[in-house]
Amino acid sequence: MVEKTVNQSELDRSSVAESLRALADEFESGEDVHVRVGNKSIRLQPPETVSYEVSVHETSSILRSSRETITLTVDWKTQ
């Protein structure tokens, strides 16, 4: 079974930082992680050690505007 819940929005930098801090606090609590995705809250149960990846993608184009993307991936095997 594959379920994917996505919410995309435009936020100011301060709101992005607040959202990332809230997620970090959830992981740091040592309990279940509750992730807000739009108007939905999803409960996850990560183990003590997870896989963490940060990637940066920079594109430049003569015909279109340049774009920079940061992707954070945190994943783990479920019990």
Protein backbone atom coordinates (compact mmCIF):
# COMPACT_ATOMS: atom_id res chain seq x y z
CA MET A 1 0.00 0.00 0.00
CA VAL A 2 1.35 3.43 -0.93
CA GLU A 3 -0.15 6.62 0.44
CA LYS A 4 1.16 10.06 -0.34
CA THR A 5 -0.16 13.27 1.18
CA VAL A 6 1.14 16.51 -0.32
CA ASN A 7 0.59 20.18 0.41
CA GLN A 8 2.38 22.90 -1.51
CA SER A 9 2.21 26.56 -0.58
CA GLU A 10 4.17 29.77 -0.85
CA LEU A 11 5.50 30.99 2.49
CA ASP A 12 7.85 33.71 3.66
CA ARG A 13 11.23 32.59 5.00
CA SER A 14 10.17 33.06 8.61
CA SER A 15 7.18 30.73 8.15
CA VAL A 16 9.37 28.11 6.48
CA ALA A 17 11.77 28.26 9.44
CA GLU A 18 8.85 27.94 11.87
CA SER A 19 7.54 24.88 10.02
CA LEU A 20 10.98 23.21 9.99
CA ARG A 21 11.44 23.98 13.72
CA ALA A 22 8.09 22.39 14.52
CA LEU A 23 9.10 19.26 12.60
CA ALA A 24 12.49 19.20 14.35
CA ASP A 25 10.75 19.47 17.74
CA GLU A 26 8.55 16.50 16.85
CA PHE A 27 11.61 14.35 16.02
CA GLU A 28 13.44 15.51 19.13
CA SER A 29 10.55 14.57 21.43
CA GLY A 30 11.38 10.87 21.11
CA GLU A 31 7.69 10.07 20.77
CA ASP A 32 5.54 9.61 17.68
CA VAL A 33 6.07 12.34 15.08
CA HIS A 34 2.97 14.30 14.10
CA VAL A 35 3.36 16.00 10.73
CA ARG A 36 0.96 18.70 9.54
CA VAL A 37 0.29 18.44 5.81
CA GLY A 38 -2.22 21.10 4.85
CA ASN A 39 -5.23 20.63 7.11
CA LYS A 40 -4.31 17.02 7.94
CA SER A 41 -2.14 15.69 10.79
CA ILE A 42 -0.29 12.44 10.11
CA ARG A 43 1.20 10.33 12.93
CA LEU A 44 4.49 8.61 12.13
CA GLN A 45 6.56 6.24 14.27
CA PRO A 46 10.24 6.63 13.37
CA PRO A 47 12.85 4.50 15.15
CA GLU A 48 15.71 6.11 17.07
CA THR A 49 17.95 6.09 13.95
CA VAL A 50 16.69 7.22 10.55
CA SER A 51 18.22 7.94 7.14
CA TYR A 52 18.61 11.68 6.44
CA GLU A 53 19.55 13.31 3.13
CA VAL A 54 19.87 16.94 2.07
CA SER A 55 20.23 17.78 -1.60
CA VAL A 56 20.49 21.11 -3.40
CA HIS A 57 19.58 21.50 -7.05
CA GLU A 58 20.55 24.67 -8.91
CA THR A 59 19.38 25.34 -12.45
CA SER A 60 20.05 28.29 -14.67
CA SER A 61 18.43 28.98 -17.97
CA ILE A 62 18.78 31.70 -20.54
CA LEU A 63 15.12 31.48 -21.56
CA ARG A 64 13.60 30.95 -18.09
CA SER A 65 14.49 32.25 -14.67
CA SER A 66 17.03 30.38 -12.58
CA ARG A 67 15.77 28.14 -9.79
CA GLU A 68 17.22 26.70 -6.59
CA THR A 69 15.69 23.78 -4.71
CA ILE A 70 16.47 22.20 -1.35
CA THR A 71 15.11 18.70 -0.78
CA LEU A 72 15.14 17.10 2.67
CA THR A 73 14.49 13.37 2.84
CA VAL A 74 14.06 11.51 6.11
CA ASP A 75 13.10 7.86 5.82
CA TRP A 76 13.11 4.60 7.75
CA LYS A 77 11.78 1.08 7.69
CA THR A 78 8.57 0.61 9.65
CA GLN A 79 8.32 -2.02 12.35
